[in-house]
């Protein structure tokens, strides 16, 4: 599942850790403990591919995905809980934005027979197909299901994120990680 071989990390010539090797198999349960500054968060960021090691290799089975819940929150204070959770799907949101742009352009045009009009229609069709393939018709329901599973009520889903405590905001980040992992399971 995960194989780490001779991994070392240095910052500015100072070694944080070196020659770390281990293997985690399916079903293993692992705890990571150590004193402050020992490199626990750095190791987790390596495993989640947020950082690269100074040396060594990390190999993850193709069928696996890795999520990392950072200590620092990355929650927009001005979105609702639901809209913040949708940020787990940047590709789908980008497609929806482009679909909306094209729809607006098509509504104001009257050159229905022109080549450029037909190209917009084709792009809109292609985007619809891509949206469906990527699970676009399920992401909103999946988001609600994950959030309610993490303890949010239907009313909570429409509240602004800054009205929640740090622990609840951490659950929003956890929901995004869980949803990203599910994206590959359609």
N, C-alpha and C. Protein backbone atom coordinates (compact mmCIF):
# COMPACT_ATOMS: atom_id res chain seq x y z
N UNK A 1 0.82 -1.18 0.00
CA UNK A 1 0.00 0.00 0.00
C UNK A 1 0.87 1.26 0.00
N UNK A 2 1.72 1.45 1.02
CA UNK A 2 2.63 2.60 1.11
C UNK A 2 4.00 2.09 1.48
N UNK A 3 5.00 2.48 0.70
CA UNK A 3 6.37 2.05 0.95
C UNK A 3 7.27 3.28 0.98
N UNK A 4 7.97 3.49 2.07
CA UNK A 4 8.89 4.62 2.25
C UNK A 4 10.29 4.05 2.40
N UNK A 5 11.20 4.52 1.54
CA UNK A 5 12.57 3.98 1.54
C UNK A 5 13.60 5.09 1.66
N UNK A 6 14.38 5.05 2.73
CA UNK A 6 15.54 5.93 2.94
C UNK A 6 15.20 7.41 2.76
N UNK A 7 14.08 7.84 3.32
CA UNK A 7 13.65 9.23 3.17
C UNK A 7 14.37 10.12 4.17
N UNK A 8 14.85 11.24 3.66
CA UNK A 8 15.51 12.25 4.48
C UNK A 8 14.92 13.61 4.13
N UNK A 9 14.87 14.49 5.14
CA UNK A 9 14.39 15.85 4.94
C UNK A 9 15.35 16.81 5.62
N UNK A 10 15.78 17.81 4.86
CA UNK A 10 16.66 18.85 5.39
C UNK A 10 16.08 20.21 5.04
N UNK A 11 16.26 21.15 5.94
CA UNK A 11 15.86 22.53 5.70
C UNK A 11 17.06 23.41 5.95
N UNK A 12 17.49 24.13 4.93
CA UNK A 12 18.61 25.05 5.08
C UNK A 12 19.87 24.38 5.60
N UNK A 13 20.13 23.16 5.17
CA UNK A 13 21.33 22.44 5.59
C UNK A 13 21.19 21.72 6.92
N UNK A 14 20.08 21.93 7.62
CA UNK A 14 19.86 21.25 8.90
C UNK A 14 18.95 20.04 8.67
N UNK A 15 19.39 18.88 9.13
CA UNK A 15 18.65 17.63 8.93
C UNK A 15 17.54 17.53 9.96
N UNK A 16 16.30 17.36 9.47
CA UNK A 16 15.15 17.15 10.36
C UNK A 16 15.07 15.67 10.72
N UNK A 17 15.13 14.80 9.69
CA UNK A 17 15.26 13.36 9.89
C UNK A 17 15.91 12.77 8.65
N UNK A 18 16.52 11.59 8.84
CA UNK A 18 17.21 10.97 7.71
C UNK A 18 17.08 9.46 7.75
N UNK A 19 17.15 8.87 6.56
CA UNK A 19 17.14 7.42 6.38
C UNK A 19 15.93 6.73 6.99
N UNK A 20 14.76 7.33 6.87
CA UNK A 20 13.53 6.75 7.41
C UNK A 20 12.96 5.77 6.38
N UNK A 21 12.69 4.55 6.82
CA UNK A 21 12.11 3.53 5.95
C UNK A 21 11.01 2.79 6.70
N UNK A 22 9.90 2.56 6.03
CA UNK A 22 8.83 1.75 6.61
C UNK A 22 7.85 1.38 5.52
N UNK A 23 6.99 0.42 5.84
CA UNK A 23 5.95 -0.02 4.91
C UNK A 23 4.65 -0.10 5.70
N UNK A 24 3.56 0.39 5.09
CA UNK A 24 2.23 0.29 5.68
C UNK A 24 1.40 -0.53 4.73
N UNK A 25 0.86 -1.62 5.23
CA UNK A 25 0.04 -2.53 4.41
C UNK A 25 -1.44 -2.24 4.65
N UNK A 26 -2.27 -2.72 3.76
CA UNK A 26 -3.71 -2.56 3.90
C UNK A 26 -4.16 -3.12 5.24
N UNK A 27 -4.98 -2.38 5.95
CA UNK A 27 -5.49 -2.83 7.23
C UNK A 27 -4.63 -2.44 8.42
N UNK A 28 -3.41 -1.98 8.18
CA UNK A 28 -2.54 -1.54 9.28
C UNK A 28 -3.11 -0.29 9.93
N UNK A 29 -2.91 -0.18 11.22
CA UNK A 29 -3.29 1.02 11.95
C UNK A 29 -2.01 1.57 12.56
N UNK A 30 -1.73 2.82 12.27
CA UNK A 30 -0.45 3.42 12.62
C UNK A 30 -0.68 4.64 13.50
N UNK A 31 0.13 4.80 14.51
CA UNK A 31 0.15 6.00 15.32
C UNK A 31 1.48 6.69 15.12
N UNK A 32 1.47 8.01 15.09
CA UNK A 32 2.69 8.78 14.90
C UNK A 32 2.83 9.71 16.10
N UNK A 33 3.85 9.45 16.90
CA UNK A 33 4.06 10.27 18.09
C UNK A 33 5.50 10.78 18.09
N UNK A 34 5.71 11.86 18.80
CA UNK A 34 7.04 12.43 18.91
C UNK A 34 6.96 13.81 19.51
N UNK A 35 8.11 14.32 19.91
CA UNK A 35 8.15 15.64 20.53
C UNK A 35 7.94 16.72 19.47
N UNK A 36 7.64 17.93 19.93
CA UNK A 36 7.47 19.06 19.01
C UNK A 36 8.75 19.26 18.21
N UNK A 37 8.57 19.49 16.91
CA UNK A 37 9.72 19.75 16.05
C UNK A 37 10.44 18.51 15.56
N UNK A 38 9.90 17.33 15.89
CA UNK A 38 10.57 16.08 15.48
C UNK A 38 10.33 15.77 14.01
N UNK A 39 9.32 16.40 13.39
CA UNK A 39 9.06 16.18 11.97
C UNK A 39 7.80 15.39 11.67
N UNK A 40 6.90 15.26 12.64
CA UNK A 40 5.67 14.50 12.41
C UNK A 40 4.83 15.12 11.29
N UNK A 41 4.57 16.41 11.38
CA UNK A 41 3.77 17.08 10.34
C UNK A 41 4.49 17.06 9.00
N UNK A 42 5.78 17.22 9.03
CA UNK A 42 6.56 17.18 7.78
C UNK A 42 6.44 15.80 7.13
N UNK A 43 6.52 14.75 7.92
CA UNK A 43 6.39 13.40 7.37
C UNK A 43 4.99 13.20 6.78
N UNK A 44 3.97 13.66 7.47
CA UNK A 44 2.61 13.53 6.95
C UNK A 44 2.43 14.31 5.65
N UNK A 45 3.03 15.48 5.55
CA UNK A 45 2.95 16.26 4.31
C UNK A 45 3.67 15.55 3.18
N UNK A 46 4.75 14.83 3.49
CA UNK A 46 5.44 14.03 2.47
C UNK A 46 4.52 12.92 1.98
N UNK A 47 3.89 12.24 2.90
CA UNK A 47 3.01 11.12 2.54
C UNK A 47 1.82 11.60 1.71
N UNK A 48 1.33 12.80 2.00
CA UNK A 48 0.19 13.36 1.26
C UNK A 48 0.65 14.05 -0.03
N UNK A 49 1.93 14.01 -0.32
CA UNK A 49 2.51 14.60 -1.53
C UNK A 49 2.40 16.12 -1.56
N UNK A 50 2.30 16.73 -0.39
CA UNK A 50 2.30 18.19 -0.32
C UNK A 50 3.72 18.73 -0.35
N UNK A 51 4.69 17.93 0.10
CA UNK A 51 6.10 18.28 0.08
C UNK A 51 6.87 17.12 -0.52
N UNK A 52 8.12 17.37 -0.89
CA UNK A 52 8.99 16.33 -1.42
C UNK A 52 10.16 16.10 -0.47
N UNK A 53 10.63 14.87 -0.37
CA UNK A 53 11.78 14.60 0.50
C UNK A 53 13.07 15.15 -0.11
N UNK A 54 14.06 15.40 0.73
CA UNK A 54 15.38 15.80 0.24
C UNK A 54 16.03 14.63 -0.49
N UNK A 55 15.77 13.42 0.02
CA UNK A 55 16.25 12.20 -0.65
C UNK A 55 15.34 11.05 -0.24
N UNK A 56 15.43 9.96 -1.00
CA UNK A 56 14.62 8.79 -0.73
C UNK A 56 13.38 8.75 -1.61
N UNK A 57 12.59 7.67 -1.44
CA UNK A 57 11.40 7.49 -2.27
C UNK A 57 10.18 7.13 -1.44
N UNK A 58 9.03 7.54 -1.93
CA UNK A 58 7.74 7.19 -1.36
C UNK A 58 6.91 6.60 -2.48
N UNK A 59 6.37 5.41 -2.27
CA UNK A 59 5.55 4.74 -3.28
C UNK A 59 4.20 4.40 -2.69
N UNK A 60 3.14 4.78 -3.40
CA UNK A 60 1.77 4.51 -2.97
C UNK A 60 1.10 3.72 -4.08
N UNK A 61 0.41 2.63 -3.69
CA UNK A 61 -0.31 1.84 -4.69
C UNK A 61 -1.26 2.72 -5.48
N UNK A 62 -1.42 2.42 -6.74
CA UNK A 62 -2.29 3.23 -7.61
C UNK A 62 -3.73 3.26 -7.12
N UNK A 63 -4.18 2.20 -6.47
CA UNK A 63 -5.57 2.14 -6.02
C UNK A 63 -5.80 2.92 -4.73
N UNK A 64 -4.74 3.49 -4.16
CA UNK A 64 -4.85 4.19 -2.89
C UNK A 64 -4.84 5.70 -3.09
N UNK A 65 -5.51 6.39 -2.19
CA UNK A 65 -5.41 7.84 -2.14
C UNK A 65 -5.09 8.21 -0.70
N UNK A 66 -4.44 9.34 -0.53
CA UNK A 66 -4.01 9.76 0.79
C UNK A 66 -4.56 11.15 1.04
N UNK A 67 -5.11 11.37 2.22
CA UNK A 67 -5.58 12.69 2.62
C UNK A 67 -4.82 13.14 3.84
N UNK A 68 -4.69 14.43 4.00
CA UNK A 68 -3.96 15.00 5.13
C UNK A 68 -4.78 16.15 5.69
N UNK A 69 -5.11 16.07 6.97
CA UNK A 69 -5.86 17.12 7.63
C UNK A 69 -4.86 17.99 8.40
N UNK A 70 -4.53 19.16 7.87
CA UNK A 70 -3.51 20.00 8.51
C UNK A 70 -4.00 20.61 9.81
N UNK A 71 -3.06 21.02 10.63
CA UNK A 71 -3.40 21.69 11.88
C UNK A 71 -3.97 23.08 11.61
N UNK A 72 -3.47 23.72 10.54
CA UNK A 72 -3.95 25.04 10.17
C UNK A 72 -5.16 24.88 9.24
N UNK A 73 -6.23 25.57 9.56
CA UNK A 73 -7.45 25.44 8.77
C UNK A 73 -7.37 26.25 7.49
N UNK A 74 -7.97 25.71 6.43
CA UNK A 74 -8.03 26.38 5.14
C UNK A 74 -9.50 26.56 4.77
N UNK A 75 -10.25 27.20 5.67
CA UNK A 75 -11.68 27.39 5.48
C UNK A 75 -11.95 28.86 5.20
N UNK A 76 -12.72 29.14 4.15
CA UNK A 76 -13.11 30.51 3.82
C UNK A 76 -14.21 30.93 4.78
N UNK A 77 -13.99 32.03 5.50
CA UNK A 77 -14.93 32.50 6.51
C UNK A 77 -16.22 33.08 5.94
N UNK A 78 -16.31 33.24 4.62
CA UNK A 78 -17.46 33.91 4.04
C UNK A 78 -18.36 32.97 3.23
N UNK A 79 -18.06 31.70 3.25
CA UNK A 79 -18.89 30.71 2.55
C UNK A 79 -19.77 29.99 3.55
N UNK A 80 -20.84 29.40 3.04
CA UNK A 80 -21.63 28.51 3.89
C UNK A 80 -20.85 27.21 4.06
N UNK A 81 -21.25 26.42 5.02
CA UNK A 81 -20.61 25.12 5.24
C UNK A 81 -20.68 24.29 3.96
N UNK A 82 -21.83 24.26 3.34
CA UNK A 82 -22.02 23.47 2.13
C UNK A 82 -21.15 23.98 0.98
N UNK A 83 -21.14 25.30 0.76
CA UNK A 83 -20.34 25.87 -0.32
C UNK A 83 -18.85 25.67 -0.07
N UNK A 84 -18.42 25.73 1.18
CA UNK A 84 -17.02 25.48 1.49
C UNK A 84 -16.68 24.02 1.19
N UNK A 85 -17.58 23.13 1.51
CA UNK A 85 -17.33 21.70 1.25
C UNK A 85 -17.26 21.42 -0.24
N UNK A 86 -18.02 22.14 -1.04
CA UNK A 86 -17.97 21.97 -2.49
C UNK A 86 -16.58 22.26 -3.06
N UNK A 87 -15.75 22.98 -2.31
CA UNK A 87 -14.40 23.30 -2.78
C UNK A 87 -13.54 22.04 -2.94
N UNK A 88 -14.03 20.92 -2.46
CA UNK A 88 -13.34 19.64 -2.66
C UNK A 88 -13.41 19.21 -4.12
N UNK A 89 -14.23 19.88 -4.91
CA UNK A 89 -14.46 19.50 -6.31
C UNK A 89 -14.09 20.64 -7.26
N UNK A 90 -12.84 21.08 -7.28
CA UNK A 90 -12.50 22.24 -8.12
C UNK A 90 -12.77 22.02 -9.61
N UNK A 91 -12.58 20.80 -10.09
CA UNK A 91 -12.82 20.54 -11.52
C UNK A 91 -14.30 20.72 -11.86
N UNK A 92 -15.16 20.21 -10.99
CA UNK A 92 -16.59 20.34 -11.23
C UNK A 92 -17.05 21.79 -11.14
N UNK A 93 -16.51 22.53 -10.19
CA UNK A 93 -16.88 23.93 -10.05
C UNK A 93 -16.42 24.74 -11.26
N UNK A 94 -15.26 24.41 -11.78
CA UNK A 94 -14.75 25.09 -12.97
C UNK A 94 -15.66 24.79 -14.17
N UNK A 95 -16.06 23.55 -14.31
CA UNK A 95 -16.96 23.18 -15.41
C UNK A 95 -18.29 23.93 -15.27
N UNK A 96 -18.84 23.97 -14.07
CA UNK A 96 -20.11 24.67 -13.86
C UNK A 96 -19.99 26.16 -14.20
N UNK A 97 -18.87 26.77 -13.81
CA UNK A 97 -18.66 28.19 -14.12
C UNK A 97 -18.63 28.40 -15.63
N UNK A 98 -17.92 27.53 -16.34
CA UNK A 98 -17.83 27.67 -17.80
C UNK A 98 -19.19 27.42 -18.46
N UNK A 99 -19.93 26.43 -17.95
CA UNK A 99 -21.27 26.18 -18.48
C UNK A 99 -22.16 27.41 -18.33
N UNK A 100 -22.06 28.06 -17.19
CA UNK A 100 -22.85 29.27 -16.95
C UNK A 100 -22.44 30.39 -17.90
N UNK A 101 -21.12 30.57 -18.11
CA UNK A 101 -20.64 31.59 -19.05
C UNK A 101 -21.20 31.35 -20.45
N UNK A 102 -21.13 30.10 -20.89
CA UNK A 102 -21.61 29.77 -22.23
C UNK A 102 -23.11 29.99 -22.32
N UNK A 103 -23.86 29.61 -21.31
CA UNK A 103 -25.31 29.81 -21.33
C UNK A 103 -25.66 31.28 -21.45
N UNK A 104 -24.95 32.12 -20.74
CA UNK A 104 -25.19 33.57 -20.83
C UNK A 104 -24.89 34.07 -22.24
N UNK A 105 -23.76 33.61 -22.80
CA UNK A 105 -23.41 34.02 -24.17
C UNK A 105 -24.46 33.56 -25.17
N UNK A 106 -24.94 32.33 -25.02
CA UNK A 106 -25.93 31.81 -25.95
C UNK A 106 -27.26 32.55 -25.85
N UNK A 107 -27.60 32.99 -24.65
CA UNK A 107 -28.87 33.70 -24.45
C UNK A 107 -28.90 35.08 -25.09
N UNK A 108 -27.75 35.71 -25.25
CA UNK A 108 -27.74 37.07 -25.80
C UNK A 108 -27.45 37.08 -27.31
N UNK A 109 -27.08 35.93 -27.85
CA UNK A 109 -26.76 35.86 -29.27
C UNK A 109 -27.98 35.49 -30.10
N UNK A 110 -27.94 35.90 -31.35
CA UNK A 110 -29.02 35.56 -32.27
C UNK A 110 -28.50 34.96 -33.56
N UNK A 111 -27.20 34.72 -33.64
CA UNK A 111 -26.59 34.16 -34.86
C UNK A 111 -26.57 32.64 -34.78
N UNK A 112 -27.75 32.06 -34.70
CA UNK A 112 -27.92 30.64 -34.43
C UNK A 112 -27.24 29.72 -35.46
N UNK A 113 -27.05 30.16 -36.64
CA UNK A 113 -26.47 29.34 -37.70
C UNK A 113 -24.96 29.53 -37.84
N UNK A 114 -24.37 30.47 -37.09
CA UNK A 114 -22.94 30.76 -37.26
C UNK A 114 -22.08 29.64 -36.69
N UNK A 115 -20.85 29.58 -37.20
CA UNK A 115 -19.88 28.58 -36.75
C UNK A 115 -19.56 28.77 -35.26
N UNK A 116 -19.37 30.02 -34.83
CA UNK A 116 -19.01 30.28 -33.43
C UNK A 116 -20.15 29.88 -32.48
N UNK A 117 -21.39 30.08 -32.90
CA UNK A 117 -22.54 29.66 -32.08
C UNK A 117 -22.55 28.14 -31.94
N UNK A 118 -22.33 27.44 -33.06
CA UNK A 118 -22.30 25.97 -33.05
C UNK A 118 -21.14 25.45 -32.19
N UNK A 119 -20.01 26.16 -32.19
CA UNK A 119 -18.87 25.76 -31.37
C UNK A 119 -19.21 25.89 -29.88
N UNK A 120 -19.92 26.93 -29.52
CA UNK A 120 -20.36 27.10 -28.13
C UNK A 120 -21.30 25.97 -27.72
N UNK A 121 -22.22 25.61 -28.61
CA UNK A 121 -23.15 24.51 -28.33
C UNK A 121 -22.36 23.22 -28.12
N UNK A 122 -21.36 22.98 -28.97
CA UNK A 122 -20.55 21.77 -28.85
C UNK A 122 -19.75 21.77 -27.56
N UNK A 123 -19.18 22.93 -27.19
CA UNK A 123 -18.42 23.01 -25.93
C UNK A 123 -19.34 22.75 -24.74
N UNK A 124 -20.54 23.29 -24.79
CA UNK A 124 -21.49 23.07 -23.71
C UNK A 124 -21.86 21.59 -23.59
N UNK A 125 -22.03 20.94 -24.72
CA UNK A 125 -22.32 19.50 -24.74
C UNK A 125 -21.16 18.70 -24.16
N UNK A 126 -19.94 19.04 -24.59
CA UNK A 126 -18.75 18.35 -24.09
C UNK A 126 -18.58 18.54 -22.59
N UNK A 127 -18.82 19.76 -22.13
CA UNK A 127 -18.71 20.04 -20.69
C UNK A 127 -19.75 19.24 -19.90
N UNK A 128 -20.94 19.11 -20.45
CA UNK A 128 -21.98 18.32 -19.78
C UNK A 128 -21.58 16.87 -19.65
N UNK A 129 -20.97 16.34 -20.68
CA UNK A 129 -20.50 14.94 -20.64
C UNK A 129 -19.39 14.78 -19.61
N UNK A 130 -18.43 15.71 -19.62
CA UNK A 130 -17.33 15.65 -18.65
C UNK A 130 -17.86 15.78 -17.22
N UNK A 131 -18.81 16.67 -17.02
CA UNK A 131 -19.41 16.88 -15.71
C UNK A 131 -20.04 15.59 -15.20
N UNK A 132 -20.76 14.92 -16.08
CA UNK A 132 -21.40 13.65 -15.70
C UNK A 132 -20.37 12.57 -15.39
N UNK A 133 -19.35 12.45 -16.21
CA UNK A 133 -18.30 11.44 -15.99
C UNK A 133 -17.60 11.66 -14.67
N UNK A 134 -17.38 12.92 -14.29
CA UNK A 134 -16.68 13.24 -13.04
C UNK A 134 -17.60 13.15 -11.81
N UNK A 135 -18.84 12.76 -12.00
CA UNK A 135 -19.76 12.61 -10.87
C UNK A 135 -20.44 13.89 -10.47
N UNK A 136 -20.55 14.82 -11.41
CA UNK A 136 -21.11 16.13 -11.10
C UNK A 136 -22.54 16.14 -10.61
N UNK A 137 -23.29 15.12 -10.94
CA UNK A 137 -24.68 15.10 -10.51
C UNK A 137 -24.84 14.50 -9.12
N UNK A 138 -23.73 14.05 -8.53
CA UNK A 138 -23.80 13.47 -7.19
C UNK A 138 -23.08 14.29 -6.12
N UNK A 139 -22.21 15.22 -6.50
CA UNK A 139 -21.33 15.85 -5.50
C UNK A 139 -22.08 16.64 -4.44
N UNK A 140 -23.20 17.26 -4.78
CA UNK A 140 -23.93 18.02 -3.78
C UNK A 140 -24.56 17.08 -2.74
N UNK A 141 -25.17 16.00 -3.19
CA UNK A 141 -25.77 15.03 -2.27
C UNK A 141 -24.70 14.34 -1.43
N UNK A 142 -23.58 14.02 -2.05
CA UNK A 142 -22.48 13.40 -1.30
C UNK A 142 -21.97 14.34 -0.22
N UNK A 143 -21.86 15.60 -0.55
CA UNK A 143 -21.39 16.59 0.43
C UNK A 143 -22.33 16.65 1.62
N UNK A 144 -23.62 16.70 1.36
CA UNK A 144 -24.59 16.73 2.45
C UNK A 144 -24.51 15.47 3.30
N UNK A 145 -24.38 14.32 2.65
CA UNK A 145 -24.32 13.05 3.37
C UNK A 145 -23.10 12.99 4.29
N UNK A 146 -21.94 13.40 3.78
CA UNK A 146 -20.72 13.38 4.59
C UNK A 146 -20.83 14.36 5.75
N UNK A 147 -21.32 15.57 5.47
CA UNK A 147 -21.45 16.57 6.53
C UNK A 147 -22.41 16.13 7.63
N UNK A 148 -23.56 15.56 7.25
CA UNK A 148 -24.49 15.09 8.29
C UNK A 148 -23.89 13.91 9.05
N UNK A 149 -23.10 13.10 8.38
CA UNK A 149 -22.41 12.01 9.06
C UNK A 149 -21.39 12.51 10.06
N UNK A 150 -20.88 13.71 9.85
CA UNK A 150 -19.91 14.32 10.77
C UNK A 150 -20.59 15.17 11.84
N UNK A 151 -21.94 15.14 11.86
CA UNK A 151 -22.66 15.79 12.95
C UNK A 151 -23.33 17.11 12.61
N UNK A 152 -23.23 17.58 11.38
CA UNK A 152 -23.88 18.82 11.00
C UNK A 152 -25.36 18.58 10.74
N UNK A 153 -26.20 19.54 11.12
CA UNK A 153 -27.63 19.45 10.84
C UNK A 153 -27.91 20.11 9.49
N UNK A 154 -29.10 19.93 8.97
CA UNK A 154 -29.48 20.58 7.72
C UNK A 154 -29.39 22.10 7.84
N UNK A 155 -29.76 22.63 9.00
CA UNK A 155 -29.67 24.08 9.23
C UNK A 155 -28.22 24.53 9.21
N UNK A 156 -27.32 23.74 9.81
CA UNK A 156 -25.89 24.07 9.85
C UNK A 156 -25.30 24.24 8.45
N UNK A 157 -25.78 23.44 7.51
CA UNK A 157 -25.20 23.42 6.17
C UNK A 157 -25.28 24.78 5.48
N UNK A 158 -26.23 25.61 5.90
CA UNK A 158 -26.43 26.91 5.26
C UNK A 158 -25.93 28.07 6.10
N UNK A 159 -25.23 27.74 7.21
CA UNK A 159 -24.62 28.76 8.07
C UNK A 159 -23.24 29.13 7.51
N UNK A 160 -22.80 30.35 7.78
CA UNK A 160 -21.47 30.80 7.37
C UNK A 160 -20.44 30.10 8.27
N UNK A 161 -19.33 29.69 7.67
CA UNK A 161 -18.35 28.88 8.40
C UNK A 161 -17.77 29.58 9.63
N UNK A 162 -17.68 30.92 9.61
CA UNK A 162 -17.06 31.60 10.75
C UNK A 162 -17.93 31.61 11.99
N UNK A 163 -19.16 31.06 11.90
CA UNK A 163 -20.02 30.97 13.08
C UNK A 163 -19.75 29.69 13.87
N UNK A 164 -18.84 28.86 13.38
CA UNK A 164 -18.52 27.58 14.03
C UNK A 164 -17.19 27.64 14.75
N UNK A 165 -17.06 26.81 15.77
CA UNK A 165 -15.81 26.72 16.53
C UNK A 165 -14.72 26.06 15.69
N UNK A 166 -13.51 26.09 16.17
CA UNK A 166 -12.38 25.47 15.47
C UNK A 166 -12.59 23.98 15.23
N UNK A 167 -13.16 23.30 16.20
CA UNK A 167 -13.40 21.86 16.05
C UNK A 167 -14.40 21.55 14.94
N UNK A 168 -15.46 22.34 14.86
CA UNK A 168 -16.45 22.14 13.79
C UNK A 168 -15.88 22.53 12.44
N UNK A 169 -15.05 23.57 12.41
CA UNK A 169 -14.41 23.97 11.16
C UNK A 169 -13.42 22.89 10.70
N UNK A 170 -12.81 22.21 11.66
CA UNK A 170 -11.92 21.10 11.32
C UNK A 170 -12.74 19.97 10.67
N UNK A 171 -13.98 19.78 11.12
CA UNK A 171 -14.85 18.77 10.50
C UNK A 171 -15.17 19.12 9.05
N UNK A 172 -15.27 20.40 8.76
CA UNK A 172 -15.51 20.82 7.37
C UNK A 172 -14.31 20.40 6.51
N UNK A 173 -13.11 20.63 7.02
CA UNK A 173 -11.90 20.22 6.29
C UNK A 173 -11.85 18.71 6.13
N UNK A 174 -12.24 17.98 7.17
CA UNK A 174 -12.28 16.52 7.10
C UNK A 174 -13.29 16.07 6.03
N UNK A 175 -14.43 16.73 5.97
CA UNK A 175 -15.44 16.40 4.95
C UNK A 175 -14.85 16.56 3.55
N UNK A 176 -14.07 17.63 3.34
CA UNK A 176 -13.47 17.86 2.02
C UNK A 176 -12.48 16.74 1.68
N UNK A 177 -11.72 16.30 2.65
CA UNK A 177 -10.77 15.20 2.41
C UNK A 177 -11.52 13.92 2.06
N UNK A 178 -12.56 13.62 2.82
CA UNK A 178 -13.35 12.41 2.56
C UNK A 178 -14.01 12.47 1.18
N UNK A 179 -14.48 13.63 0.79
CA UNK A 179 -15.12 13.78 -0.52
C UNK A 179 -14.10 13.64 -1.65
N UNK A 180 -12.91 14.17 -1.47
CA UNK A 180 -11.87 14.02 -2.49
C UNK A 180 -11.52 12.55 -2.68
N UNK A 181 -11.48 11.80 -1.58
CA UNK A 181 -11.17 10.37 -1.66
C UNK A 181 -12.28 9.62 -2.41
N UNK A 182 -13.54 10.03 -2.20
CA UNK A 182 -14.67 9.40 -2.87
C UNK A 182 -14.73 9.70 -4.35
N UNK A 183 -14.14 10.82 -4.76
CA UNK A 183 -14.18 11.20 -6.17
C UNK A 183 -13.63 10.12 -7.07
N UNK A 184 -12.70 9.32 -6.55
CA UNK A 184 -12.07 8.30 -7.36
C UNK A 184 -12.80 6.97 -7.26
N UNK A 185 -13.96 6.96 -6.61
CA UNK A 185 -14.69 5.71 -6.40
C UNK A 185 -16.03 5.69 -7.12
N UNK A 186 -16.25 6.52 -8.13
CA UNK A 186 -17.54 6.54 -8.82
C UNK A 186 -17.70 5.30 -9.66
